[in-house]
C-alpha atoms as a PDB file:
ATOM      1  CA  MET A   1      -7.062 -21.546 -22.434  1.00  0.00           C
ATOM      2  CA  SER A   2      -7.455 -20.562 -18.831  1.00  0.00           C
ATOM      3  CA  LEU A   3      -7.507 -16.842 -17.878  1.00  0.00           C
ATOM      4  CA  LEU A   4      -4.346 -17.183 -15.776  1.00  0.00           C
ATOM      5  CA  LYS A   5      -2.463 -18.895 -18.574  1.00  0.00           C
ATOM      6  CA  GLU A   6      -3.531 -16.158 -21.038  1.00  0.00           C
ATOM      7  CA  PHE A   7      -2.483 -13.562 -18.417  1.00  0.00           C
ATOM      8  CA  GLU A   8       0.951 -15.130 -18.057  1.00  0.00           C
ATOM      9  CA  GLU A   9       1.435 -15.194 -21.843  1.00  0.00           C
ATOM     10  CA  LYS A  10       0.306 -11.533 -22.200  1.00  0.00           C
ATOM     11  CA  PHE A  11       2.586 -10.591 -19.268  1.00  0.00           C
ATOM     12  CA  ALA A  12       5.579 -12.175 -21.002  1.00  0.00           C
ATOM     13  CA  GLU A  13       4.774 -10.169 -24.151  1.00  0.00           C
ATOM     14  CA  LEU A  14       4.386  -6.999 -22.200  1.00  0.00           C
ATOM     15  CA  LYS A  15       7.717  -7.543 -20.378  1.00  0.00           C
ATOM     16  CA  LYS A  16       9.455  -8.148 -23.697  1.00  0.00           C
ATOM     17  CA  GLU A  17       7.834  -5.065 -25.231  1.00  0.00           C
ATOM     18  CA  LEU A  18       8.485  -2.691 -22.278  1.00  0.00           C
ATOM     19  CA  LYS A  19      11.713  -4.210 -21.152  1.00  0.00           C
ATOM     20  CA  PHE A  20      11.217  -3.828 -17.459  1.00  0.00           C
ATOM     21  CA  LYS A  21      13.294  -5.990 -15.122  1.00  0.00           C
ATOM     22  CA  SER A  22      10.731  -7.126 -12.573  1.00  0.00           C
ATOM     23  CA  SER A  23       9.534 -10.719 -12.897  1.00  0.00           C
ATOM     24  CA  LEU A  24       5.920 -11.829 -12.783  1.00  0.00           C
ATOM     25  CA  GLU A  25       6.657 -13.773  -9.571  1.00  0.00           C
ATOM     26  CA  GLU A  26       8.101 -10.787  -7.938  1.00  0.00           C
ATOM     27  CA  ILE A  27       5.294  -8.472  -8.943  1.00  0.00           C
ATOM     28  CA  ASP A  28       2.666 -11.002  -8.034  1.00  0.00           C
ATOM     29  CA  SER A  29       4.204 -11.644  -4.582  1.00  0.00           C
ATOM     30  CA  ILE A  30       3.763  -7.915  -3.755  1.00  0.00           C
ATOM     31  CA  PHE A  31       0.670  -6.834  -5.724  1.00  0.00           C
ATOM     32  CA  PHE A  32      -1.242 -10.085  -6.207  1.00  0.00           C
ATOM     33  CA  VAL A  33      -1.980  -9.423  -9.947  1.00  0.00           C
ATOM     34  CA  ARG A  34      -3.019 -12.985 -10.448  1.00  0.00           C
ATOM     35  CA  ASP A  35      -5.665 -12.569  -7.757  1.00  0.00           C
ATOM     36  CA  LEU A  36      -6.874  -9.427  -9.466  1.00  0.00           C
ATOM     37  CA  ILE A  37      -7.334 -11.208 -12.779  1.00  0.00           C
ATOM     38  CA  LEU A  38      -9.143 -14.108 -11.139  1.00  0.00           C
ATOM     39  CA  ASP A  39     -11.317 -11.827  -9.019  1.00  0.00           C
ATOM     40  CA  ARG A  40     -12.384  -9.581 -11.880  1.00  0.00           C
ATOM     41  CA  LYS A  41     -12.451 -12.409 -14.456  1.00  0.00           C
ATOM     42  CA  TYR A  42     -11.049  -9.826 -16.825  1.00  0.00           C
ATOM     43  CA  LEU A  43      -7.823  -9.335 -18.653  1.00  0.00           C
ATOM     44  CA  SER A  44      -7.458  -5.764 -20.019  1.00  0.00           C
ATOM     45  CA  PRO A  45      -6.248  -5.212 -23.541  1.00  0.00           C
ATOM     46  CA  LYS A  46      -4.120  -2.589 -21.840  1.00  0.00           C
ATOM     47  CA  LEU A  47      -2.442  -5.025 -19.451  1.00  0.00           C
ATOM     48  CA  GLY A  48       0.309  -2.707 -18.434  1.00  0.00           C
ATOM     49  CA  ARG A  49      -2.253  -0.101 -17.252  1.00  0.00           C
ATOM     50  CA  GLN A  50      -4.157  -2.800 -15.429  1.00  0.00           C
ATOM     51  CA  ILE A  51      -1.051  -3.897 -13.587  1.00  0.00           C
ATOM     52  CA  CYS A  52       0.018  -0.382 -12.822  1.00  0.00           C
ATOM     53  CA  SER A  53      -3.392   0.418 -11.466  1.00  0.00           C
ATOM     54  CA  ARG A  54      -3.222  -2.535  -9.115  1.00  0.00           C
ATOM     55  CA  MET A  55       0.228  -1.315  -7.906  1.00  0.00           C
ATOM     56  CA  VAL A  56      -1.128   2.132  -7.106  1.00  0.00           C
ATOM     57  CA  ASP A  57      -4.079   0.637  -5.305  1.00  0.00           C
ATOM     58  CA  LEU A  58      -1.693  -1.066  -2.885  1.00  0.00           C
ATOM     59  CA  PHE A  59       0.352   2.043  -2.325  1.00  0.00           C
ATOM     60  CA  MET A  60      -2.713   4.234  -1.827  1.00  0.00           C
ATOM     61  CA  GLY A  61      -4.207   1.847   0.634  1.00  0.00           C
ATOM     62  CA  TRP A  62      -1.052   2.040   2.699  1.00  0.00           C
ATOM     63  CA  TYR A  63      -0.896   5.801   2.210  1.00  0.00           C
ATOM     64  CA  ASN A  64      -4.404   6.144   3.723  1.00  0.00           C
ATOM     65  CA  TYR A  65      -3.432   4.001   6.700  1.00  0.00           C
ATOM     66  CA  LEU A  66      -0.210   5.839   7.303  1.00  0.00           C
ATOM     67  CA  HIS A  67      -2.073   9.145   7.018  1.00  0.00           C
ATOM     68  CA  SER A  68      -4.309   8.089   9.865  1.00  0.00           C
ATOM     69  CA  LEU A  69      -1.288   7.581  12.020  1.00  0.00           C
ATOM     70  CA  VAL A  70       0.083  11.025  11.258  1.00  0.00           C
ATOM     71  CA  VAL A  71      -3.271  12.925  11.167  1.00  0.00           C
ATOM     72  CA  PRO A  72      -5.796  10.820  13.072  1.00  0.00           C
ATOM     73  CA  ASN A  73      -9.534  11.314  12.480  1.00  0.00           C
ATOM     74  CA  PRO A  74     -10.715  12.897  15.754  1.00  0.00           C
ATOM     75  CA  GLY A  75     -14.009  10.919  15.515  1.00  0.00           C
ATOM     76  CA  TYR A  76     -12.317   7.509  15.117  1.00  0.00           C
ATOM     77  CA  ILE A  77     -10.866   6.063  18.301  1.00  0.00           C
ATOM     78  CA  VAL A  78      -8.689   3.514  16.443  1.00  0.00           C
ATOM     79  CA  SER A  79      -6.715   6.126  14.506  1.00  0.00           C
ATOM     80  CA  ILE A  80      -6.341   8.336  17.615  1.00  0.00           C
ATOM     81  CA  THR A  81      -5.163   5.381  19.733  1.00  0.00           C
ATOM     82  CA  GLU A  82      -2.675   4.202  17.091  1.00  0.00           C
ATOM     83  CA  SER A  83      -1.434   7.730  16.405  1.00  0.00           C
ATOM     84  CA  HIS A  84      -0.422   8.170  20.054  1.00  0.00           C
ATOM     85  CA  GLU A  85       2.056   5.326  19.725  1.00  0.00           C
ATOM     86  CA  PHE A  86       4.352   7.436  17.495  1.00  0.00           C
ATOM     87  CA  ASP A  87       6.501  10.369  18.455  1.00  0.00           C
ATOM     88  CA  GLU A  88       7.158  13.334  16.130  1.00  0.00           C
ATOM     89  CA  GLN A  89      10.339  11.821  14.649  1.00  0.00           C
ATOM     90  CA  GLU A  90       8.584   8.558  13.811  1.00  0.00           C
ATOM     91  CA  LYS A  91       5.636  10.552  12.241  1.00  0.00           C
ATOM     92  CA  ALA A  92       8.206  12.441  10.079  1.00  0.00           C
ATOM     93  CA  GLU A  93       9.617   9.115   8.885  1.00  0.00           C
ATOM     94  CA  ILE A  94       6.069   7.909   8.206  1.00  0.00           C
ATOM     95  CA  MET A  95       5.448  11.070   6.185  1.00  0.00           C
ATOM     96  CA  GLN A  96       8.587  10.294   4.144  1.00  0.00           C
ATOM     97  CA  ILE A  97       7.136   6.950   3.221  1.00  0.00           C
ATOM     98  CA  MET A  98       3.878   8.695   2.306  1.00  0.00           C
ATOM     99  CA  CYS A  99       5.786  11.014  -0.044  1.00  0.00           C
ATOM    100  CA  LYS A 100       7.325   7.938  -1.791  1.00  0.00           C
ATOM    101  CA  PHE A 101       3.836   6.551  -2.224  1.00  0.00           C
ATOM    102  CA  MET A 102       2.547   9.794  -3.684  1.00  0.00           C
ATOM    103  CA  GLU A 103       5.497   9.893  -6.040  1.00  0.00           C
ATOM    104  CA  ILE A 104       4.436   6.425  -7.251  1.00  0.00           C
ATOM    105  CA  SER A 105       0.799   7.459  -7.595  1.00  0.00           C
ATOM    106  CA  SER A 106       1.477  10.694  -9.430  1.00  0.00           C
ATOM    107  CA  MET A 107       3.999   8.919 -11.682  1.00  0.00           C
ATOM    108  CA  ASN A 108       1.318   6.441 -12.738  1.00  0.00           C
ATOM    109  CA  GLY A 109      -1.196   9.284 -13.344  1.00  0.00           C
ATOM    110  CA  LEU A 110       1.325  11.067 -15.549  1.00  0.00           C
ATOM    111  CA  ASN A 111       2.027   7.836 -17.416  1.00  0.00           C
ATOM    112  CA  GLY A 112      -1.655   7.377 -18.024  1.00  0.00           C
ATOM    113  CA  LEU A 113      -1.882  10.868 -19.533  1.00  0.00           C
ATOM    114  CA  THR A 114       1.284  10.672 -21.620  1.00  0.00           C
ATOM    115  CA  LYS A 115       0.955   7.000 -22.776  1.00  0.00           C
ATOM    116  CA  ASN A 116       4.766   6.818 -22.496  1.00  0.00           C
ATOM    117  CA  LYS A 117       5.627   3.152 -22.623  1.00  0.00           C
ATOM    118  CA  LYS A 118       9.222   3.694 -21.465  1.00  0.00           C
ATOM    119  CA  ALA A 119       7.988   5.542 -18.431  1.00  0.00           C
ATOM    120  CA  GLU A 120       5.477   2.748 -17.806  1.00  0.00           C
ATOM    121  CA  ALA A 121       8.344   0.265 -17.664  1.00  0.00           C
ATOM    122  CA  GLN A 122      10.244   2.546 -15.325  1.00  0.00           C
ATOM    123  CA  PHE A 123       7.100   2.822 -13.148  1.00  0.00           C
ATOM    124  CA  ILE A 124       6.747  -0.963 -12.800  1.00  0.00           C
ATOM    125  CA  ASP A 125      10.327  -1.389 -11.661  1.00  0.00           C
ATOM    126  CA  LYS A 126      10.137   1.643  -9.439  1.00  0.00           C
ATOM    127  CA  ALA A 127       6.988   0.367  -7.760  1.00  0.00           C
ATOM    128  CA  VAL A 128       8.668  -3.029  -7.003  1.00  0.00           C
ATOM    129  CA  ASP A 129      11.883  -1.258  -5.775  1.00  0.00           C
ATOM    130  CA  THR A 130       9.929   1.182  -3.632  1.00  0.00           C
ATOM    131  CA  TRP A 131       7.934  -1.593  -2.031  1.00  0.00           C
ATOM    132  CA  ASN A 132      11.084  -3.562  -1.279  1.00  0.00           C
ATOM    133  CA  GLU A 133      12.656  -0.418   0.216  1.00  0.00           C
ATOM    134  CA  VAL A 134       9.781   0.488   2.547  1.00  0.00           C
ATOM    135  CA  ARG A 135       8.542  -2.950   3.525  1.00  0.00           C
ATOM    136  CA  PRO A 136      10.928  -3.252   6.467  1.00  0.00           C
ATOM    137  CA  LYS A 137       9.779   0.052   7.898  1.00  0.00           C
ATOM    138  CA  LEU A 138       6.127  -0.793   7.333  1.00  0.00           C
ATOM    139  CA  THR A 139       6.724  -4.086   9.142  1.00  0.00           C
ATOM    140  CA  SER A 140       8.237  -2.131  12.080  1.00  0.00           C
ATOM    141  CA  ILE A 141       5.239   0.301  12.100  1.00  0.00           C
ATOM    142  CA  LEU A 142       2.696  -2.480  12.099  1.00  0.00           C
ATOM    143  CA  THR A 143       4.582  -4.552  14.697  1.00  0.00           C
ATOM    144  CA  LYS A 144       4.497  -1.546  17.031  1.00  0.00           C
ATOM    145  CA  VAL A 145       0.766  -1.046  16.390  1.00  0.00           C
ATOM    146  CA  ASN A 146       0.024  -4.750  16.859  1.00  0.00           C
ATOM    147  CA  ASP A 147       2.042  -4.929  20.013  1.00  0.00           C
ATOM    148  CA  MET A 148       0.063  -2.030  21.393  1.00  0.00           C
ATOM    149  CA  TRP A 149      -3.268  -3.654  20.620  1.00  0.00           C
ATOM    150  CA  LYS A 150      -2.099  -6.948  22.150  1.00  0.00           C
ATOM    151  CA  GLU A 151      -1.306  -5.139  25.421  1.00  0.00           C
ATOM    152  CA  LYS A 152      -4.584  -3.296  25.391  1.00  0.00           C
ATOM    153  CA  ALA A 153      -6.490  -6.554  24.731  1.00  0.00           C
ATOM    154  CA  LYS A 154      -4.833  -8.159  27.817  1.00  0.00           C
ATOM    155  CA  ALA A 155      -5.463  -5.253  30.182  1.00  0.00           C
ATOM    156  CA  PRO A 156      -8.659  -5.190  32.197  1.00  0.00           C
ATOM    157  CA  PRO A 157     -11.006  -2.371  31.138  1.00  0.00           C
ATOM    158  CA  LYS A 158     -10.543   0.826  33.047  1.00  0.00           C
ATOM    159  CA  VAL A 159     -13.811   2.153  34.444  1.00  0.00           C
ATOM    160  CA  LYS A 160     -13.944   5.673  35.780  1.00  0.00           C
ATOM    161  CA  LYS A 161     -15.837   5.970  39.002  1.00  0.00           C
ATOM    162  CA  PRO A 162     -18.346   8.753  38.865  1.00  0.00           C
ATOM    163  CA  GLU A 163     -17.496  11.747  40.942  1.00  0.00           C
ATOM    164  CA  ALA A 164     -19.764  12.644  43.786  1.00  0.00           C
ATOM    165  CA  HIS A 165     -21.331  15.983  43.428  1.00  0.00           C
ATOM    166  CA  TYR A 166     -22.536  17.583  46.596  1.00  0.00           C
ATOM    167  CA  GLY A 167     -24.635  20.672  46.211  1.00  0.00           C
END
């Protein structure tokens, strides 16, 4: 049996056991769980935890990017440049998204500690719902950043002329 076929069967069992509402297609379209299985060539005996971990990876990757927009690394010109595109209100909205991502991450950590299967099912559905809720705003943020880079790529480089110093 192929690894993907085995994964799909185990996923169906997991969904039946935990009773979450999200479909494999919906989860895979957001979190690329099939790619994870193929890339690692591994199907965990704790499939629910493997899927939840993949979900958190996506959220934390986005969290780190958004963090660089709100608090840019002063030694990294990319994050400084991108951060300047957003005003304080937009940064507050970005921070609200970051809080949602941290809620997801901490919820998963708590579920890992408590081994609460009902909470794991709630987490899976909440992760999908949260992504669907924030995706339009993330699209808007990235469109703004991409448009800025497009404009900068078109513009001729600005060269400062050295000042003359007369002694």
